[in-house]
Amino acid sequence: MESRKTVSGLDLLHLARIAAAAAGTYLRGVERPSDPARWTLKGSRDFVTEVDRTAEAIISEILLAADPTGRIVGEELSPAVVTEGLVWIVDPLDGTTNFLHDVPSYAVSIAAALDGVLEAGVVLHVPRNELYTASRGAGAWQDDRRLTVSTISDPDFALLGTGFPFKDTSQLEEYLTQFRRVAARTSGIRRPGAAALDLADVAAGRFDGFWEQRLSAWDIAAGLLLIREAGGVATDFAGREIGVEHTAVVAGNPAIHRWLLQVLGSGGASPRRHQGPEGARRTISE
């Protein structure tokens, strides 16, 4: 790379794509450690294996070879969040539990930030080899298809993604209250188990919105840029725009995002629902 002042988001995106592809190739070919004796417990119900560590090492080697002064923020190698200069925010295997159980929903997530501003992001759906990319000001893409968030504005017809607290269950009751409010007013809620893919699904218009009480920077950095470049909104529960940080997330198309903020933070009150032609709430089966 030349000096950072001349590095563009597209330069960073190119590097992220190369690193994600290399890690994805490794993950698709490696033997899955199905024996729990080979899993390391980082925290309650939170596993890591040599596969995670190797994938992150592959990514780090590629990124740092291009600019050795860049820094990596990642769960396995460098979990402390930093924002100065060029920072790569890396999750080498988002959805480790899915991977360990052969559930085909896990991803590589890589984002690049310059002085705290997200410039490029890549999410690779590993089993499908689907690549989601975004660079600041240049849009969001799934392979060669431009992404836009959904246009559904009526919660009655909205499909939401979520993640429930599984590492720390101290806020589980609060989450269940949120879940009840949202479930009562939407057409469905899904929890696939890989936040990077959930956010990519918001950017692609599959999910109309998403919320989770607490996620790490490496879970969300690339997905935040995808959503914003696809025309969506991503904030914390207070409506503050979020970046490279560990935080709560509320995301969606602009209308559903506004609705979610109100429902999650209002004690249950929500805007009046729109009615169909017959004046009745439409039911959409799960």
C-alpha atoms as a PDB file:
ATOM      1  CA  MET A   1       0.000   0.000   0.000  1.00  0.00           C
ATOM      2  CA  GLU A   2       0.982   3.638  -0.433  1.00  0.00           C
ATOM      3  CA  SER A   3       0.506   6.031   2.458  1.00  0.00           C
ATOM      4  CA  ARG A   4      -2.805   5.780   4.271  1.00  0.00           C
ATOM      5  CA  LYS A   5      -3.838   9.197   3.021  1.00  0.00           C
ATOM      6  CA  THR A   6      -4.136   7.757  -0.473  1.00  0.00           C
ATOM      7  CA  VAL A   7      -5.708   4.442   0.480  1.00  0.00           C
ATOM      8  CA  SER A   8      -9.295   4.247  -0.783  1.00  0.00           C
ATOM      9  CA  GLY A   9     -12.186   2.182   0.451  1.00  0.00           C
ATOM     10  CA  LEU A  10     -11.906   0.137  -2.728  1.00  0.00           C
ATOM     11  CA  ASP A  11      -8.258  -0.663  -1.964  1.00  0.00           C
ATOM     12  CA  LEU A  12      -9.268  -1.878   1.476  1.00  0.00           C
ATOM     13  CA  LEU A  13     -12.234  -3.773   0.072  1.00  0.00           C
ATOM     14  CA  HIS A  14      -9.968  -5.585  -2.378  1.00  0.00           C
ATOM     15  CA  LEU A  15      -7.722  -6.764   0.455  1.00  0.00           C
ATOM     16  CA  ALA A  16     -10.695  -7.796   2.591  1.00  0.00           C
ATOM     17  CA  ARG A  17     -12.113  -9.837  -0.276  1.00  0.00           C
ATOM     18  CA  ILE A  18      -8.810 -11.679  -0.763  1.00  0.00           C
ATOM     19  CA  ALA A  19      -8.497 -12.430   2.962  1.00  0.00           C
ATOM     20  CA  ALA A  20     -12.119 -13.569   3.290  1.00  0.00           C
ATOM     21  CA  ALA A  21     -11.812 -15.841   0.265  1.00  0.00           C
ATOM     22  CA  ALA A  22      -8.680 -17.477   1.686  1.00  0.00           C
ATOM     23  CA  ALA A  23     -10.329 -18.060   5.060  1.00  0.00           C
ATOM     24  CA  GLY A  24     -13.492 -19.350   3.390  1.00  0.00           C
ATOM     25  CA  THR A  25     -11.530 -21.850   1.324  1.00  0.00           C
ATOM     26  CA  TYR A  26      -9.852 -23.089   4.489  1.00  0.00           C
ATOM     27  CA  LEU A  27     -13.145 -23.358   6.409  1.00  0.00           C
ATOM     28  CA  ARG A  28     -14.876 -25.301   3.642  1.00  0.00           C
ATOM     29  CA  GLY A  29     -12.017 -27.790   3.460  1.00  0.00           C
ATOM     30  CA  VAL A  30     -11.085 -28.282   7.101  1.00  0.00           C
ATOM     31  CA  GLU A  31     -12.285 -31.239   9.150  1.00  0.00           C
ATOM     32  CA  ARG A  32     -15.082 -30.126  11.448  1.00  0.00           C
ATOM     33  CA  PRO A  33     -14.123 -30.839  15.102  1.00  0.00           C
ATOM     34  CA  SER A  34     -17.377 -32.548  16.047  1.00  0.00           C
ATOM     35  CA  ASP A  35     -16.031 -33.973  19.317  1.00  0.00           C
ATOM     36  CA  PRO A  36     -16.671 -31.457  22.146  1.00  0.00           C
ATOM     37  CA  ALA A  37     -13.400 -32.560  23.723  1.00  0.00           C
ATOM     38  CA  ARG A  38     -11.695 -30.481  21.002  1.00  0.00           C
ATOM     39  CA  TRP A  39     -13.710 -27.342  21.763  1.00  0.00           C
ATOM     40  CA  THR A  40     -12.416 -24.649  24.111  1.00  0.00           C
ATOM     41  CA  LEU A  41     -14.977 -22.912  26.302  1.00  0.00           C
ATOM     42  CA  LYS A  42     -14.245 -19.154  26.285  1.00  0.00           C
ATOM     43  CA  GLY A  43     -17.300 -18.357  28.373  1.00  0.00           C
ATOM     44  CA  SER A  44     -20.735 -19.712  29.084  1.00  0.00           C
ATOM     45  CA  ARG A  45     -21.908 -21.491  25.890  1.00  0.00           C
ATOM     46  CA  ASP A  46     -19.217 -19.682  23.876  1.00  0.00           C
ATOM     47  CA  PHE A  47     -16.809 -21.967  22.057  1.00  0.00           C
ATOM     48  CA  VAL A  48     -13.585 -21.557  20.111  1.00  0.00           C
ATOM     49  CA  THR A  49     -11.470 -24.141  18.284  1.00  0.00           C
ATOM     50  CA  GLU A  50      -8.177 -24.300  16.451  1.00  0.00           C
ATOM     51  CA  VAL A  51     -10.241 -23.751  13.306  1.00  0.00           C
ATOM     52  CA  ASP A  52     -11.215 -20.239  14.484  1.00  0.00           C
ATOM     53  CA  ARG A  53      -7.625 -19.444  15.395  1.00  0.00           C
ATOM     54  CA  THR A  54      -6.202 -20.732  12.130  1.00  0.00           C
ATOM     55  CA  ALA A  55      -8.758 -18.825  10.060  1.00  0.00           C
ATOM     56  CA  GLU A  56      -7.919 -15.596  11.888  1.00  0.00           C
ATOM     57  CA  ALA A  57      -4.187 -16.210  11.388  1.00  0.00           C
ATOM     58  CA  ILE A  58      -4.777 -16.650   7.634  1.00  0.00           C
ATOM     59  CA  ILE A  59      -6.696 -13.371   7.483  1.00  0.00           C
ATOM     60  CA  SER A  60      -4.181 -11.470   9.608  1.00  0.00           C
ATOM     61  CA  GLU A  61      -1.219 -12.609   7.526  1.00  0.00           C
ATOM     62  CA  ILE A  62      -2.817 -11.347   4.301  1.00  0.00           C
ATOM     63  CA  LEU A  63      -3.952  -8.018   5.733  1.00  0.00           C
ATOM     64  CA  LEU A  64      -0.739  -7.191   7.574  1.00  0.00           C
ATOM     65  CA  ALA A  65       1.430  -8.168   4.618  1.00  0.00           C
ATOM     66  CA  ALA A  66      -0.161  -5.259   2.734  1.00  0.00           C
ATOM     67  CA  ASP A  67       0.399  -2.768   5.572  1.00  0.00           C
ATOM     68  CA  PRO A  68       2.333  -4.035   8.616  1.00  0.00           C
ATOM     69  CA  THR A  69       1.415  -0.902  10.587  1.00  0.00           C
ATOM     70  CA  GLY A  70      -2.287  -1.714  10.420  1.00  0.00           C
ATOM     71  CA  ARG A  71      -3.860  -3.320  13.462  1.00  0.00           C
ATOM     72  CA  ILE A  72      -6.227  -6.248  13.840  1.00  0.00           C
ATOM     73  CA  VAL A  73      -9.187  -6.225  16.220  1.00  0.00           C
ATOM     74  CA  GLY A  74     -10.479  -9.764  16.538  1.00  0.00           C
ATOM     75  CA  GLU A  75     -11.946 -12.088  19.106  1.00  0.00           C
ATOM     76  CA  GLU A  76      -9.173 -14.667  19.046  1.00  0.00           C
ATOM     77  CA  LEU A  77      -5.993 -12.578  18.673  1.00  0.00           C
ATOM     78  CA  SER A  78      -6.571  -8.912  19.625  1.00  0.00           C
ATOM     79  CA  PRO A  79      -9.911  -8.317  21.364  1.00  0.00           C
ATOM     80  CA  ALA A  80      -9.168  -4.754  22.554  1.00  0.00           C
ATOM     81  CA  VAL A  81     -10.991  -2.191  20.412  1.00  0.00           C
ATOM     82  CA  VAL A  82      -8.777   0.538  18.917  1.00  0.00           C
ATOM     83  CA  THR A  83      -9.727   3.262  16.453  1.00  0.00           C
ATOM     84  CA  GLU A  84      -6.576   5.189  15.526  1.00  0.00           C
ATOM     85  CA  GLY A  85      -5.137   4.695  12.041  1.00  0.00           C
ATOM     86  CA  LEU A  86      -5.912   1.656   9.916  1.00  0.00           C
ATOM     87  CA  VAL A  87      -7.785  -0.996  11.883  1.00  0.00           C
ATOM     88  CA  TRP A  88      -9.130  -4.286  10.582  1.00  0.00           C
ATOM     89  CA  ILE A  89     -12.092  -5.666  12.526  1.00  0.00           C
ATOM     90  CA  VAL A  90     -12.185  -9.423  11.983  1.00  0.00           C
ATOM     91  CA  ASP A  91     -14.438 -12.314  12.896  1.00  0.00           C
ATOM     92  CA  PRO A  92     -12.863 -15.358  11.248  1.00  0.00           C
ATOM     93  CA  LEU A  93     -15.835 -17.611  12.027  1.00  0.00           C
ATOM     94  CA  ASP A  94     -19.055 -15.911  13.038  1.00  0.00           C
ATOM     95  CA  GLY A  95     -21.439 -18.662  14.046  1.00  0.00           C
ATOM     96  CA  THR A  96     -18.913 -21.082  15.547  1.00  0.00           C
ATOM     97  CA  THR A  97     -21.621 -23.120  17.280  1.00  0.00           C
ATOM     98  CA  ASN A  98     -23.451 -23.533  13.967  1.00  0.00           C
ATOM     99  CA  PHE A  99     -20.189 -24.642  12.351  1.00  0.00           C
ATOM    100  CA  LEU A 100     -19.517 -27.185  15.102  1.00  0.00           C
ATOM    101  CA  HIS A 101     -22.990 -28.684  14.684  1.00  0.00           C
ATOM    102  CA  ASP A 102     -22.878 -28.592  10.880  1.00  0.00           C
ATOM    103  CA  VAL A 103     -25.656 -26.001  10.679  1.00  0.00           C
ATOM    104  CA  PRO A 104     -24.973 -24.170   7.389  1.00  0.00           C
ATOM    105  CA  SER A 105     -25.130 -20.602   8.701  1.00  0.00           C
ATOM    106  CA  TYR A 106     -21.680 -19.204   9.505  1.00  0.00           C
ATOM    107  CA  ALA A 107     -19.516 -16.518   7.999  1.00  0.00           C
ATOM    108  CA  VAL A 108     -16.241 -14.674   7.738  1.00  0.00           C
ATOM    109  CA  SER A 109     -16.615 -10.979   8.546  1.00  0.00           C
ATOM    110  CA  ILE A 110     -13.906  -8.389   7.823  1.00  0.00           C
ATOM    111  CA  ALA A 111     -14.186  -4.606   8.036  1.00  0.00           C
ATOM    112  CA  ALA A 112     -11.622  -1.834   7.610  1.00  0.00           C
ATOM    113  CA  ALA A 113     -11.748   1.474   9.462  1.00  0.00           C
ATOM    114  CA  LEU A 114      -9.531   4.550   9.102  1.00  0.00           C
ATOM    115  CA  ASP A 115      -9.403   6.633  12.275  1.00  0.00           C
ATOM    116  CA  GLY A 116     -12.643   5.062  13.455  1.00  0.00           C
ATOM    117  CA  VAL A 117     -14.590   5.532  10.201  1.00  0.00           C
ATOM    118  CA  LEU A 118     -15.773   2.340   8.529  1.00  0.00           C
ATOM    119  CA  GLU A 119     -14.465   2.319   4.966  1.00  0.00           C
ATOM    120  CA  ALA A 120     -14.959  -1.238   3.694  1.00  0.00           C
ATOM    121  CA  GLY A 121     -16.680  -4.422   4.760  1.00  0.00           C
ATOM    122  CA  VAL A 122     -16.978  -8.007   3.607  1.00  0.00           C
ATOM    123  CA  VAL A 123     -19.226 -10.800   4.859  1.00  0.00           C
ATOM    124  CA  LEU A 124     -18.706 -14.206   3.296  1.00  0.00           C
ATOM    125  CA  HIS A 125     -21.437 -16.806   3.791  1.00  0.00           C
ATOM    126  CA  VAL A 126     -19.041 -19.736   3.899  1.00  0.00           C
ATOM    127  CA  PRO A 127     -21.263 -22.764   3.103  1.00  0.00           C
ATOM    128  CA  ARG A 128     -22.876 -20.986   0.130  1.00  0.00           C
ATOM    129  CA  ASN A 129     -19.725 -19.088  -0.883  1.00  0.00           C
ATOM    130  CA  GLU A 130     -21.870 -15.920  -1.173  1.00  0.00           C
ATOM    131  CA  LEU A 131     -19.946 -12.681  -0.852  1.00  0.00           C
ATOM    132  CA  TYR A 132     -21.447  -9.463   0.523  1.00  0.00           C
ATOM    133  CA  THR A 133     -19.330  -6.319   0.096  1.00  0.00           C
ATOM    134  CA  ALA A 134     -19.567  -2.602   0.788  1.00  0.00           C
ATOM    135  CA  SER A 135     -17.284   0.403   0.633  1.00  0.00           C
ATOM    136  CA  ARG A 136     -18.168   3.844   1.932  1.00  0.00           C
ATOM    137  CA  GLY A 137     -20.044   5.802  -0.705  1.00  0.00           C
ATOM    138  CA  ALA A 138     -19.956   2.991  -3.282  1.00  0.00           C
ATOM    139  CA  GLY A 139     -22.972   0.910  -2.270  1.00  0.00           C
ATOM    140  CA  ALA A 140     -23.504  -2.608  -0.969  1.00  0.00           C
ATOM    141  CA  TRP A 141     -23.411  -5.717  -3.120  1.00  0.00           C
ATOM    142  CA  GLN A 142     -24.063  -9.444  -3.050  1.00  0.00           C
ATOM    143  CA  ASP A 143     -21.582 -10.717  -5.619  1.00  0.00           C
ATOM    144  CA  ASP A 144     -22.569  -8.520  -8.624  1.00  0.00           C
ATOM    145  CA  ARG A 145     -26.090  -7.577  -7.401  1.00  0.00           C
ATOM    146  CA  ARG A 146     -26.651  -4.152  -5.863  1.00  0.00           C
ATOM    147  CA  LEU A 147     -28.318  -4.420  -2.462  1.00  0.00           C
ATOM    148  CA  THR A 148     -31.125  -2.286  -1.092  1.00  0.00           C
ATOM    149  CA  VAL A 149     -33.014  -2.654   2.132  1.00  0.00           C
ATOM    150  CA  SER A 150     -36.658  -3.670   1.978  1.00  0.00           C
ATOM    151  CA  THR A 151     -39.484  -1.227   1.379  1.00  0.00           C
ATOM    152  CA  ILE A 152     -41.915  -2.803   3.867  1.00  0.00           C
ATOM    153  CA  SER A 153     -43.015  -0.102   6.282  1.00  0.00           C
ATOM    154  CA  ASP A 154     -45.959  -1.819   7.996  1.00  0.00           C
ATOM    155  CA  PRO A 155     -44.773  -3.982  10.922  1.00  0.00           C
ATOM    156  CA  ASP A 156     -47.694  -6.351  10.309  1.00  0.00           C
ATOM    157  CA  PHE A 157     -45.865  -7.604   7.211  1.00  0.00           C
ATOM    158  CA  ALA A 158     -42.302  -7.366   8.535  1.00  0.00           C
ATOM    159  CA  LEU A 159     -39.899 -10.243   9.173  1.00  0.00           C
ATOM    160  CA  LEU A 160     -37.340  -9.503  11.882  1.00  0.00           C
ATOM    161  CA  GLY A 161     -34.018 -11.059  12.777  1.00  0.00           C
ATOM    162  CA  THR A 162     -32.715 -11.194  16.327  1.00  0.00           C
ATOM    163  CA  GLY A 163     -30.131 -12.678  18.630  1.00  0.00           C
ATOM    164  CA  PHE A 164     -30.926 -13.643  22.197  1.00  0.00           C
ATOM    165  CA  PRO A 165     -28.528 -13.379  25.143  1.00  0.00           C
ATOM    166  CA  PHE A 166     -26.765 -16.731  25.475  1.00  0.00           C
ATOM    167  CA  LYS A 167     -23.342 -15.851  26.902  1.00  0.00           C
ATOM    168  CA  ASP A 168     -24.703 -13.692  29.712  1.00  0.00           C
ATOM    169  CA  THR A 169     -28.322 -14.461  30.565  1.00  0.00           C
ATOM    170  CA  SER A 170     -28.664 -11.711  33.177  1.00  0.00           C
ATOM    171  CA  GLN A 171     -30.738  -9.646  30.709  1.00  0.00           C
ATOM    172  CA  LEU A 172     -32.803 -12.550  29.438  1.00  0.00           C
ATOM    173  CA  GLU A 173     -36.041 -11.382  31.083  1.00  0.00           C
ATOM    174  CA  GLU A 174     -35.674  -7.932  29.524  1.00  0.00           C
ATOM    175  CA  TYR A 175     -35.038  -9.574  26.161  1.00  0.00           C
ATOM    176  CA  LEU A 176     -38.115 -11.782  26.506  1.00  0.00           C
ATOM    177  CA  THR A 177     -40.194  -8.663  27.126  1.00  0.00           C
ATOM    178  CA  GLN A 178     -38.782  -7.142  23.936  1.00  0.00           C
ATOM    179  CA  PHE A 179     -39.439 -10.380  22.066  1.00  0.00           C
ATOM    180  CA  ARG A 180     -43.083 -10.458  23.174  1.00  0.00           C
ATOM    181  CA  ARG A 181     -43.642  -6.873  22.021  1.00  0.00           C
ATOM    182  CA  VAL A 182     -42.111  -7.464  18.610  1.00  0.00           C
ATOM    183  CA  ALA A 183     -43.667 -10.905  18.092  1.00  0.00           C
ATOM    184  CA  ALA A 184     -47.154  -9.553  18.800  1.00  0.00           C
ATOM    185  CA  ARG A 185     -46.877  -6.956  16.042  1.00  0.00           C
ATOM    186  CA  THR A 186     -44.936  -8.544  13.191  1.00  0.00           C
ATOM    187  CA  SER A 187     -45.224 -11.475  10.812  1.00  0.00           C
ATOM    188  CA  GLY A 188     -42.280 -13.392  12.264  1.00  0.00           C
ATOM    189  CA  ILE A 189     -38.914 -13.437  14.042  1.00  0.00           C
ATOM    190  CA  ARG A 190     -35.863 -15.511  13.125  1.00  0.00           C
ATOM    191  CA  ARG A 191     -32.649 -16.303  15.018  1.00  0.00           C
ATOM    192  CA  PRO A 192     -30.173 -18.023  12.626  1.00  0.00           C
ATOM    193  CA  GLY A 193     -27.206 -17.593  14.982  1.00  0.00           C
ATOM    194  CA  ALA A 194     -24.652 -15.552  13.005  1.00  0.00           C
ATOM    195  CA  ALA A 195     -25.023 -11.795  13.451  1.00  0.00           C
ATOM    196  CA  ALA A 196     -22.877 -10.892  10.437  1.00  0.00           C
ATOM    197  CA  LEU A 197     -25.276 -12.823   8.189  1.00  0.00           C
ATOM    198  CA  ASP A 198     -28.305 -11.349   9.960  1.00  0.00           C
ATOM    199  CA  LEU A 199     -27.073  -7.851   9.132  1.00  0.00           C
ATOM    200  CA  ALA A 200     -26.294  -8.890   5.562  1.00  0.00           C
ATOM    201  CA  ASP A 201     -29.882 -10.153   5.319  1.00  0.00           C
ATOM    202  CA  VAL A 202     -31.127  -6.725   6.422  1.00  0.00           C
ATOM    203  CA  ALA A 203     -29.000  -5.095   3.713  1.00  0.00           C
ATOM    204  CA  ALA A 204     -30.370  -7.568   1.149  1.00  0.00           C
ATOM    205  CA  GLY A 205     -33.986  -6.879   2.149  1.00  0.00           C
ATOM    206  CA  ARG A 206     -34.674 -10.377   3.478  1.00  0.00           C
ATOM    207  CA  PHE A 207     -35.047  -9.122   7.036  1.00  0.00           C
ATOM    208  CA  ASP A 208     -36.893  -5.830   7.421  1.00  0.00           C
ATOM    209  CA  GLY A 209     -35.201  -5.213  10.757  1.00  0.00           C
ATOM    210  CA  PHE A 210     -32.932  -6.712  13.408  1.00  0.00           C
ATOM    211  CA  TRP A 211     -32.144  -6.169  17.073  1.00  0.00           C
ATOM    212  CA  GLU A 212     -29.833  -7.628  19.690  1.00  0.00           C
ATOM    213  CA  GLN A 213     -28.957  -6.442  23.174  1.00  0.00           C
ATOM    214  CA  ARG A 214     -25.195  -6.853  22.949  1.00  0.00           C
ATOM    215  CA  LEU A 215     -22.787  -7.662  20.134  1.00  0.00           C
ATOM    216  CA  SER A 216     -19.035  -7.332  19.730  1.00  0.00           C
ATOM    217  CA  ALA A 217     -17.349  -5.005  17.260  1.00  0.00           C
ATOM    218  CA  TRP A 218     -16.181  -7.921  15.092  1.00  0.00           C
ATOM    219  CA  ASP A 219     -19.750  -9.300  14.893  1.00  0.00           C
ATOM    220  CA  ILE A 220     -21.179  -6.127  13.391  1.00  0.00           C
ATOM    221  CA  ALA A 221     -18.597  -3.816  11.791  1.00  0.00           C
ATOM    222  CA  ALA A 222     -18.903  -5.117   8.230  1.00  0.00           C
ATOM    223  CA  GLY A 223     -22.657  -5.570   8.542  1.00  0.00           C
ATOM    224  CA  LEU A 224     -23.186  -1.984   9.701  1.00  0.00           C
ATOM    225  CA  LEU A 225     -21.556  -0.666   6.536  1.00  0.00           C
ATOM    226  CA  LEU A 226     -23.545  -3.083   4.376  1.00  0.00           C
ATOM    227  CA  ILE A 227     -26.824  -1.840   5.841  1.00  0.00           C
ATOM    228  CA  ARG A 228     -25.976   1.857   5.562  1.00  0.00           C
ATOM    229  CA  GLU A 229     -24.740   1.514   1.983  1.00  0.00           C
ATOM    230  CA  ALA A 230     -27.962  -0.356   1.148  1.00  0.00           C
ATOM    231  CA  GLY A 231     -30.064   2.547   2.428  1.00  0.00           C
ATOM    232  CA  GLY A 232     -30.767   1.281   5.933  1.00  0.00           C
ATOM    233  CA  VAL A 233     -30.142   2.551   9.447  1.00  0.00           C
ATOM    234  CA  ALA A 234     -28.160   0.993  12.307  1.00  0.00           C
ATOM    235  CA  THR A 235     -28.011   2.441  15.817  1.00  0.00           C
ATOM    236  CA  ASP A 236     -28.074   1.462  19.463  1.00  0.00           C
ATOM    237  CA  PHE A 237     -31.334   1.374  21.447  1.00  0.00           C
ATOM    238  CA  ALA A 238     -31.085   5.134  22.055  1.00  0.00           C
ATOM    239  CA  GLY A 239     -30.899   5.864  18.332  1.00  0.00           C
ATOM    240  CA  ARG A 240     -27.182   6.744  18.407  1.00  0.00           C
ATOM    241  CA  GLU A 241     -25.247   5.824  15.273  1.00  0.00           C
ATOM    242  CA  ILE A 242     -22.777   3.095  16.171  1.00  0.00           C
ATOM    243  CA  GLY A 243     -19.364   2.185  14.796  1.00  0.00           C
ATOM    244  CA  VAL A 244     -16.347   0.124  15.874  1.00  0.00           C
ATOM    245  CA  GLU A 245     -17.518  -0.821  19.352  1.00  0.00           C
ATOM    246  CA  HIS A 246     -19.214  -3.441  21.495  1.00  0.00           C
ATOM    247  CA  THR A 247     -22.848  -2.365  21.656  1.00  0.00           C
ATOM    248  CA  ALA A 248     -26.541  -3.064  21.308  1.00  0.00           C
ATOM    249  CA  VAL A 249     -27.848  -2.992  17.736  1.00  0.00           C
ATOM    250  CA  VAL A 250     -31.147  -1.919  16.205  1.00  0.00           C
ATOM    251  CA  ALA A 251     -31.110  -2.015  12.392  1.00  0.00           C
ATOM    252  CA  GLY A 252     -33.491  -2.032   9.483  1.00  0.00           C
ATOM    253  CA  ASN A 253     -34.997  -0.061   6.689  1.00  0.00           C
ATOM    254  CA  PRO A 254     -35.760   3.484   7.894  1.00  0.00           C
ATOM    255  CA  ALA A 255     -39.431   2.853   8.686  1.00  0.00           C
ATOM    256  CA  ILE A 256     -38.982  -0.430  10.550  1.00  0.00           C
ATOM    257  CA  HIS A 257     -35.931   0.930  12.363  1.00  0.00           C
ATOM    258  CA  ARG A 258     -38.000   3.839  13.717  1.00  0.00           C
ATOM    259  CA  TRP A 259     -40.752   1.438  14.750  1.00  0.00           C
ATOM    260  CA  LEU A 260     -38.319  -0.911  16.465  1.00  0.00           C
ATOM    261  CA  LEU A 261     -36.753   1.920  18.463  1.00  0.00           C
ATOM    262  CA  GLN A 262     -40.176   2.887  19.770  1.00  0.00           C
ATOM    263  CA  VAL A 263     -41.304  -0.653  20.578  1.00  0.00           C
ATOM    264  CA  LEU A 264     -38.051  -1.690  22.257  1.00  0.00           C
ATOM    265  CA  GLY A 265     -37.797   1.421  24.370  1.00  0.00           C
ATOM    266  CA  SER A 266     -41.357   2.493  25.081  1.00  0.00           C
ATOM    267  CA  GLY A 267     -42.629  -0.098  27.523  1.00  0.00           C
ATOM    268  CA  GLY A 268     -44.753  -1.704  24.856  1.00  0.00           C
ATOM    269  CA  ALA A 269     -46.605   1.151  23.175  1.00  0.00           C
ATOM    270  CA  SER A 270     -46.353   1.135  19.404  1.00  0.00           C
ATOM    271  CA  PRO A 271     -47.635   3.169  16.488  1.00  0.00           C
ATOM    272  CA  ARG A 272     -51.131   2.317  15.368  1.00  0.00           C
ATOM    273  CA  ARG A 273     -51.033  -0.599  12.959  1.00  0.00           C
ATOM    274  CA  HIS A 274     -52.172  -0.158   9.405  1.00  0.00           C
ATOM    275  CA  GLN A 275     -55.170  -2.274   8.517  1.00  0.00           C
ATOM    276  CA  GLY A 276     -55.711  -4.300   5.393  1.00  0.00           C
ATOM    277  CA  PRO A 277     -58.638  -3.803   3.002  1.00  0.00           C
ATOM    278  CA  GLU A 278     -60.920  -5.800   5.255  1.00  0.00           C
ATOM    279  CA  GLY A 279     -59.787  -3.929   8.373  1.00  0.00           C
ATOM    280  CA  ALA A 280     -58.235  -7.061   9.869  1.00  0.00           C
ATOM    281  CA  ARG A 281     -54.638  -7.894  10.634  1.00  0.00           C
ATOM    282  CA  ARG A 282     -53.221 -10.194   8.001  1.00  0.00           C
ATOM    283  CA  THR A 283     -51.681 -13.403   9.338  1.00  0.00           C
ATOM    284  CA  ILE A 284     -48.611 -14.774   7.605  1.00  0.00           C
ATOM    285  CA  SER A 285     -47.662 -18.308   8.539  1.00  0.00           C
ATOM    286  CA  GLU A 286     -44.171 -19.087   9.748  1.00  0.00           C
END
